[in-house]
């Protein structure tokens, strides 16, 4: 559980950092890179959350 929380926090932190960077002046290549990383982090966050949610339900059964 602690490891999952740490992973969720890391992904959220990365998402916030990428969003902040996207508000700055960037080249097109930098913007594409950050948008890609942001999308990957959001997907990873959702996957971890979904696995944790599924684990909680199976632990209760």
C-alpha atoms as a PDB file:
ATOM      1  CA  UNK A   1       0.000   0.000   0.000  1.00  0.00           C
ATOM      2  CA  UNK A   2       2.802   2.442   0.887  1.00  0.00           C
ATOM      3  CA  UNK A   3       4.590   1.669  -2.368  1.00  0.00           C
ATOM      4  CA  UNK A   4       1.395   2.318  -4.312  1.00  0.00           C
ATOM      5  CA  UNK A   5       0.903   5.658  -2.585  1.00  0.00           C
ATOM      6  CA  UNK A   6       4.493   6.601  -3.396  1.00  0.00           C
ATOM      7  CA  UNK A   7       3.964   5.694  -7.055  1.00  0.00           C
ATOM      8  CA  UNK A   8       0.736   7.713  -7.212  1.00  0.00           C
ATOM      9  CA  UNK A   9       2.472  10.732  -5.681  1.00  0.00           C
ATOM     10  CA  UNK A  10       5.406  10.433  -8.087  1.00  0.00           C
ATOM     11  CA  UNK A  11       3.106  10.305 -11.105  1.00  0.00           C
ATOM     12  CA  UNK A  12       1.059  13.261  -9.821  1.00  0.00           C
ATOM     13  CA  UNK A  13       4.246  15.246  -9.223  1.00  0.00           C
ATOM     14  CA  UNK A  14       5.482  14.519 -12.735  1.00  0.00           C
ATOM     15  CA  UNK A  15       2.116  15.505 -14.193  1.00  0.00           C
ATOM     16  CA  UNK A  16       2.176  18.809 -12.334  1.00  0.00           C
ATOM     17  CA  UNK A  17       5.762  19.478 -13.478  1.00  0.00           C
ATOM     18  CA  UNK A  18       4.956  18.749 -17.138  1.00  0.00           C
ATOM     19  CA  UNK A  19       1.842  20.934 -17.002  1.00  0.00           C
ATOM     20  CA  UNK A  20       3.885  23.759 -15.500  1.00  0.00           C
ATOM     21  CA  UNK A  21       6.569  23.390 -18.163  1.00  0.00           C
ATOM     22  CA  UNK A  22       3.948  23.450 -20.910  1.00  0.00           C
ATOM     23  CA  UNK A  23       2.993  26.988 -19.853  1.00  0.00           C
ATOM     24  CA  UNK A  24       6.504  28.227 -20.633  1.00  0.00           C
ATOM     25  CA  UNK A  25       8.034  29.223 -23.952  1.00  0.00           C
ATOM     26  CA  UNK A  26       9.069  26.020 -25.721  1.00  0.00           C
ATOM     27  CA  UNK A  27      10.156  24.842 -29.119  1.00  0.00           C
ATOM     28  CA  UNK A  28       7.736  22.608 -30.997  1.00  0.00           C
ATOM     29  CA  UNK A  29       9.974  19.595 -30.331  1.00  0.00           C
ATOM     30  CA  UNK A  30      10.050  20.341 -26.591  1.00  0.00           C
ATOM     31  CA  UNK A  31       6.282  20.817 -26.515  1.00  0.00           C
ATOM     32  CA  UNK A  32       5.667  17.509 -28.297  1.00  0.00           C
ATOM     33  CA  UNK A  33       8.059  15.732 -25.924  1.00  0.00           C
ATOM     34  CA  UNK A  34       6.347  17.175 -22.833  1.00  0.00           C
ATOM     35  CA  UNK A  35       2.866  16.438 -24.151  1.00  0.00           C
ATOM     36  CA  UNK A  36       3.913  12.847 -24.811  1.00  0.00           C
ATOM     37  CA  UNK A  37       5.426  12.484 -21.336  1.00  0.00           C
ATOM     38  CA  UNK A  38       2.334  14.068 -19.776  1.00  0.00           C
ATOM     39  CA  UNK A  39       0.095  11.587 -21.566  1.00  0.00           C
ATOM     40  CA  UNK A  40       2.310   8.682 -20.473  1.00  0.00           C
ATOM     41  CA  UNK A  41       2.282   9.845 -16.856  1.00  0.00           C
ATOM     42  CA  UNK A  42      -1.496  10.267 -16.872  1.00  0.00           C
ATOM     43  CA  UNK A  43      -1.909   6.754 -18.266  1.00  0.00           C
ATOM     44  CA  UNK A  44       0.489   5.346 -15.687  1.00  0.00           C
ATOM     45  CA  UNK A  45      -1.353   7.148 -12.878  1.00  0.00           C
ATOM     46  CA  UNK A  46      -4.675   5.738 -14.062  1.00  0.00           C
ATOM     47  CA  UNK A  47      -3.203   2.231 -14.332  1.00  0.00           C
ATOM     48  CA  UNK A  48      -1.781   2.322 -10.804  1.00  0.00           C
ATOM     49  CA  UNK A  49      -5.031   3.708  -9.428  1.00  0.00           C
ATOM     50  CA  UNK A  50      -7.063   1.077 -11.260  1.00  0.00           C
ATOM     51  CA  UNK A  51      -4.854  -1.762 -10.004  1.00  0.00           C
ATOM     52  CA  UNK A  52      -5.036  -0.434  -6.462  1.00  0.00           C
ATOM     53  CA  UNK A  53      -8.803  -0.096  -6.705  1.00  0.00           C
ATOM     54  CA  UNK A  54      -9.104  -3.668  -8.001  1.00  0.00           C
ATOM     55  CA  UNK A  55      -6.784  -4.879  -5.241  1.00  0.00           C
ATOM     56  CA  UNK A  56      -8.885  -3.225  -2.567  1.00  0.00           C
ATOM     57  CA  UNK A  57     -12.029  -4.916  -3.794  1.00  0.00           C
ATOM     58  CA  UNK A  58     -10.405  -8.350  -3.997  1.00  0.00           C
ATOM     59  CA  UNK A  59      -8.907  -7.882  -0.512  1.00  0.00           C
ATOM     60  CA  UNK A  60     -12.401  -7.250   0.924  1.00  0.00           C
ATOM     61  CA  UNK A  61     -13.936 -10.359  -0.669  1.00  0.00           C
END
